[in-house]
Amino acid sequence: MIEFQTGGGQIQSNQFSKKLEKALTKVAQEGMRDLIEKKLRGIRDPKTGAKPKITQRGEALSNLSFKISGSESLMKEVTKRLK
C-alpha cells in the first residue's frame, strides 16, 4: 500500500493529485512573477518615476496569466525589455 503525507499528516490518494496541483500552481505563480519582476527591475516612467504594475490572473495552471500595465511610455520600455 502507498501512503502519502503532506505537512506531517497522511492524506488519501484521491486528495494527493489536488494537493500536488495546488503546490505546482503556487510554484509556477511565484516563479513567473519573480521572472517578470527581474526582467522589469529598474524600469520607471520617465516623467513620474512609476513602476509597471504586474497583476496575476487565474488560480490554476490552465488559466494562469499576468497583465502588465502602466503609462504609454512605460509600456514601451516594458515591451523592449521583455523581447
N, C-alpha and C. Protein backbone atom coordinates (compact mmCIF):
# COMPACT_ATOMS: atom_id res chain seq x y z
N MET A 1 0.84 -1.17 0.00
CA MET A 1 0.00 0.00 0.00
C MET A 1 0.89 1.25 0.00
N ILE A 2 0.49 2.25 -0.78
CA ILE A 2 1.22 3.52 -0.85
C ILE A 2 0.48 4.54 0.01
N GLU A 3 1.25 5.21 0.84
CA GLU A 3 0.69 6.26 1.68
C GLU A 3 1.32 7.60 1.30
N PHE A 4 0.52 8.64 1.34
CA PHE A 4 1.00 9.98 1.03
C PHE A 4 0.90 10.83 2.29
N GLN A 5 1.94 11.67 2.48
CA GLN A 5 1.92 12.59 3.60
C GLN A 5 2.27 13.98 3.12
N THR A 6 1.66 14.96 3.73
CA THR A 6 1.99 16.35 3.46
C THR A 6 1.86 17.14 4.75
N GLY A 7 2.82 17.97 5.02
CA GLY A 7 2.79 18.75 6.24
C GLY A 7 2.74 17.90 7.49
N GLY A 8 3.30 16.69 7.43
CA GLY A 8 3.33 15.81 8.59
C GLY A 8 2.09 14.95 8.76
N GLY A 9 1.08 15.17 7.92
CA GLY A 9 -0.15 14.39 8.05
C GLY A 9 -0.40 13.51 6.84
N GLN A 10 -1.07 12.42 7.06
CA GLN A 10 -1.37 11.48 5.99
C GLN A 10 -2.56 11.99 5.19
N ILE A 11 -2.51 11.81 3.86
CA ILE A 11 -3.63 12.19 3.01
C ILE A 11 -4.04 11.00 2.16
N GLN A 12 -5.28 11.02 1.74
CA GLN A 12 -5.79 9.94 0.91
C GLN A 12 -5.30 10.13 -0.53
N SER A 13 -5.20 9.04 -1.25
CA SER A 13 -4.65 9.09 -2.60
C SER A 13 -5.48 9.98 -3.53
N ASN A 14 -6.79 10.06 -3.33
CA ASN A 14 -7.61 10.91 -4.19
C ASN A 14 -7.37 12.40 -3.91
N GLN A 15 -6.84 12.74 -2.75
CA GLN A 15 -6.51 14.13 -2.42
C GLN A 15 -5.10 14.49 -2.88
N PHE A 16 -4.28 13.48 -3.12
CA PHE A 16 -2.89 13.72 -3.48
C PHE A 16 -2.76 14.57 -4.73
N SER A 17 -3.50 14.26 -5.79
CA SER A 17 -3.36 15.00 -7.04
C SER A 17 -3.83 16.44 -6.87
N LYS A 18 -4.85 16.67 -6.07
CA LYS A 18 -5.31 18.03 -5.83
C LYS A 18 -4.25 18.84 -5.09
N LYS A 19 -3.65 18.25 -4.08
CA LYS A 19 -2.63 18.94 -3.30
C LYS A 19 -1.37 19.18 -4.15
N LEU A 20 -1.03 18.20 -4.99
CA LEU A 20 0.13 18.35 -5.86
C LEU A 20 -0.10 19.47 -6.86
N GLU A 21 -1.27 19.51 -7.48
CA GLU A 21 -1.58 20.57 -8.44
C GLU A 21 -1.54 21.95 -7.76
N LYS A 22 -2.08 22.03 -6.56
CA LYS A 22 -2.07 23.29 -5.82
C LYS A 22 -0.64 23.75 -5.55
N ALA A 23 0.22 22.82 -5.14
CA ALA A 23 1.62 23.16 -4.86
C ALA A 23 2.35 23.58 -6.14
N LEU A 24 2.13 22.87 -7.24
CA LEU A 24 2.77 23.21 -8.51
C LEU A 24 2.29 24.56 -9.02
N THR A 25 1.03 24.85 -8.85
CA THR A 25 0.48 26.14 -9.26
C THR A 25 1.14 27.26 -8.48
N LYS A 26 1.29 27.08 -7.19
CA LYS A 26 1.93 28.10 -6.37
C LYS A 26 3.37 28.34 -6.81
N VAL A 27 4.10 27.27 -7.08
CA VAL A 27 5.49 27.39 -7.54
C VAL A 27 5.53 28.10 -8.89
N ALA A 28 4.63 27.75 -9.79
CA ALA A 28 4.60 28.39 -11.12
C ALA A 28 4.26 29.87 -11.00
N GLN A 29 3.29 30.21 -10.17
CA GLN A 29 2.91 31.61 -9.98
C GLN A 29 4.08 32.42 -9.44
N GLU A 30 4.71 31.92 -8.40
CA GLU A 30 5.83 32.63 -7.79
C GLU A 30 7.01 32.74 -8.75
N GLY A 31 7.29 31.65 -9.46
CA GLY A 31 8.41 31.64 -10.40
C GLY A 31 8.20 32.61 -11.55
N MET A 32 7.00 32.63 -12.11
CA MET A 32 6.72 33.55 -13.22
C MET A 32 6.76 34.99 -12.75
N ARG A 33 6.16 35.27 -11.60
CA ARG A 33 6.18 36.64 -11.07
C ARG A 33 7.63 37.09 -10.83
N ASP A 34 8.45 36.22 -10.25
CA ASP A 34 9.86 36.55 -9.99
C ASP A 34 10.60 36.83 -11.30
N LEU A 35 10.34 36.02 -12.32
CA LEU A 35 11.00 36.20 -13.62
C LEU A 35 10.60 37.53 -14.25
N ILE A 36 9.31 37.84 -14.22
CA ILE A 36 8.83 39.10 -14.80
C ILE A 36 9.42 40.28 -14.03
N GLU A 37 9.36 40.22 -12.70
CA GLU A 37 9.90 41.31 -11.89
C GLU A 37 11.40 41.51 -12.12
N LYS A 38 12.13 40.41 -12.28
CA LYS A 38 13.56 40.51 -12.54
C LYS A 38 13.83 41.20 -13.87
N LYS A 39 13.08 40.83 -14.90
CA LYS A 39 13.27 41.44 -16.21
C LYS A 39 12.89 42.92 -16.23
N LEU A 40 11.93 43.31 -15.39
CA LEU A 40 11.45 44.68 -15.40
C LEU A 40 12.10 45.56 -14.32
N ARG A 41 12.97 44.96 -13.53
CA ARG A 41 13.63 45.69 -12.45
C ARG A 41 14.35 46.93 -13.01
N GLY A 42 14.13 48.04 -12.38
CA GLY A 42 14.81 49.27 -12.77
C GLY A 42 14.06 50.09 -13.80
N ILE A 43 13.00 49.57 -14.40
CA ILE A 43 12.24 50.34 -15.37
C ILE A 43 11.30 51.27 -14.62
N ARG A 44 11.34 52.56 -14.99
CA ARG A 44 10.47 53.56 -14.39
C ARG A 44 9.92 54.47 -15.48
N ASP A 45 8.75 55.02 -15.23
CA ASP A 45 8.18 56.01 -16.13
C ASP A 45 9.11 57.23 -16.10
N PRO A 46 9.54 57.73 -17.28
CA PRO A 46 10.48 58.84 -17.31
C PRO A 46 9.94 60.12 -16.66
N LYS A 47 8.62 60.31 -16.69
CA LYS A 47 8.04 61.54 -16.14
C LYS A 47 7.67 61.41 -14.66
N THR A 48 7.08 60.28 -14.26
CA THR A 48 6.55 60.15 -12.90
C THR A 48 7.39 59.27 -11.98
N GLY A 49 8.25 58.44 -12.58
CA GLY A 49 9.04 57.52 -11.77
C GLY A 49 8.28 56.27 -11.36
N ALA A 50 7.05 56.11 -11.86
CA ALA A 50 6.21 54.95 -11.51
C ALA A 50 6.77 53.66 -12.10
N LYS A 51 6.58 52.57 -11.37
CA LYS A 51 6.97 51.23 -11.84
C LYS A 51 5.81 50.60 -12.60
N PRO A 52 6.09 49.61 -13.46
CA PRO A 52 5.00 48.88 -14.10
C PRO A 52 4.21 48.08 -13.06
N LYS A 53 2.92 47.98 -13.25
CA LYS A 53 2.07 47.21 -12.34
C LYS A 53 1.88 45.81 -12.92
N ILE A 54 2.16 44.79 -12.11
CA ILE A 54 2.02 43.40 -12.54
C ILE A 54 0.83 42.81 -11.80
N THR A 55 -0.15 42.31 -12.56
CA THR A 55 -1.35 41.72 -11.98
C THR A 55 -1.45 40.26 -12.42
N GLN A 56 -1.63 39.39 -11.45
CA GLN A 56 -1.78 37.96 -11.75
C GLN A 56 -3.25 37.62 -11.90
N ARG A 57 -3.55 36.78 -12.87
CA ARG A 57 -4.91 36.30 -13.09
C ARG A 57 -4.88 34.79 -13.16
N GLY A 58 -5.93 34.16 -12.68
CA GLY A 58 -6.05 32.71 -12.74
C GLY A 58 -5.57 32.04 -11.48
N GLU A 59 -6.20 30.96 -11.14
CA GLU A 59 -5.87 30.21 -9.93
C GLU A 59 -5.33 28.82 -10.23
N ALA A 60 -5.35 28.42 -11.49
CA ALA A 60 -4.89 27.08 -11.88
C ALA A 60 -3.85 27.22 -12.99
N LEU A 61 -3.06 26.19 -13.19
CA LEU A 61 -2.06 26.22 -14.26
C LEU A 61 -2.69 26.43 -15.62
N SER A 62 -3.90 25.94 -15.80
CA SER A 62 -4.57 26.02 -17.10
C SER A 62 -5.02 27.43 -17.46
N ASN A 63 -5.15 28.32 -16.48
CA ASN A 63 -5.62 29.66 -16.79
C ASN A 63 -4.76 30.76 -16.16
N LEU A 64 -3.52 30.46 -15.86
CA LEU A 64 -2.62 31.41 -15.23
C LEU A 64 -2.12 32.41 -16.25
N SER A 65 -2.25 33.71 -15.93
CA SER A 65 -1.73 34.74 -16.82
C SER A 65 -1.33 35.95 -15.98
N PHE A 66 -0.54 36.82 -16.59
CA PHE A 66 -0.09 38.04 -15.93
C PHE A 66 -0.36 39.21 -16.86
N LYS A 67 -0.80 40.31 -16.27
CA LYS A 67 -1.04 41.53 -17.03
C LYS A 67 -0.07 42.58 -16.49
N ILE A 68 0.58 43.30 -17.40
CA ILE A 68 1.50 44.36 -17.02
C ILE A 68 0.90 45.66 -17.55
N SER A 69 0.80 46.66 -16.67
CA SER A 69 0.19 47.91 -17.08
C SER A 69 1.01 49.10 -16.61
N GLY A 70 0.79 50.22 -17.27
CA GLY A 70 1.47 51.47 -16.95
C GLY A 70 1.21 52.48 -18.04
N SER A 71 1.87 53.61 -17.95
CA SER A 71 1.70 54.65 -18.96
C SER A 71 2.23 54.17 -20.31
N GLU A 72 1.90 54.91 -21.35
CA GLU A 72 2.32 54.53 -22.70
C GLU A 72 3.84 54.48 -22.82
N SER A 73 4.52 55.48 -22.26
CA SER A 73 5.99 55.50 -22.35
C SER A 73 6.60 54.37 -21.51
N LEU A 74 6.00 54.09 -20.38
CA LEU A 74 6.48 52.98 -19.54
C LEU A 74 6.29 51.65 -20.26
N MET A 75 5.15 51.46 -20.90
CA MET A 75 4.89 50.19 -21.59
C MET A 75 5.82 50.00 -22.79
N LYS A 76 6.26 51.08 -23.40
CA LYS A 76 7.25 50.95 -24.49
C LYS A 76 8.55 50.35 -23.94
N GLU A 77 8.97 50.82 -22.78
CA GLU A 77 10.18 50.28 -22.16
C GLU A 77 9.98 48.82 -21.73
N VAL A 78 8.80 48.52 -21.22
CA VAL A 78 8.49 47.15 -20.81
C VAL A 78 8.57 46.21 -22.01
N THR A 79 7.97 46.64 -23.11
CA THR A 79 7.98 45.83 -24.34
C THR A 79 9.40 45.57 -24.82
N LYS A 80 10.24 46.59 -24.78
CA LYS A 80 11.63 46.42 -25.20
C LYS A 80 12.35 45.40 -24.31
N ARG A 81 12.12 45.51 -23.02
CA ARG A 81 12.81 44.64 -22.05
C ARG A 81 12.36 43.19 -22.15
N LEU A 82 11.09 42.97 -22.46
CA LEU A 82 10.57 41.59 -22.50
C LEU A 82 10.82 40.88 -23.82
N LYS A 83 11.32 41.57 -24.81
CA LYS A 83 11.60 40.93 -26.11
C LYS A 83 12.83 40.08 -26.03
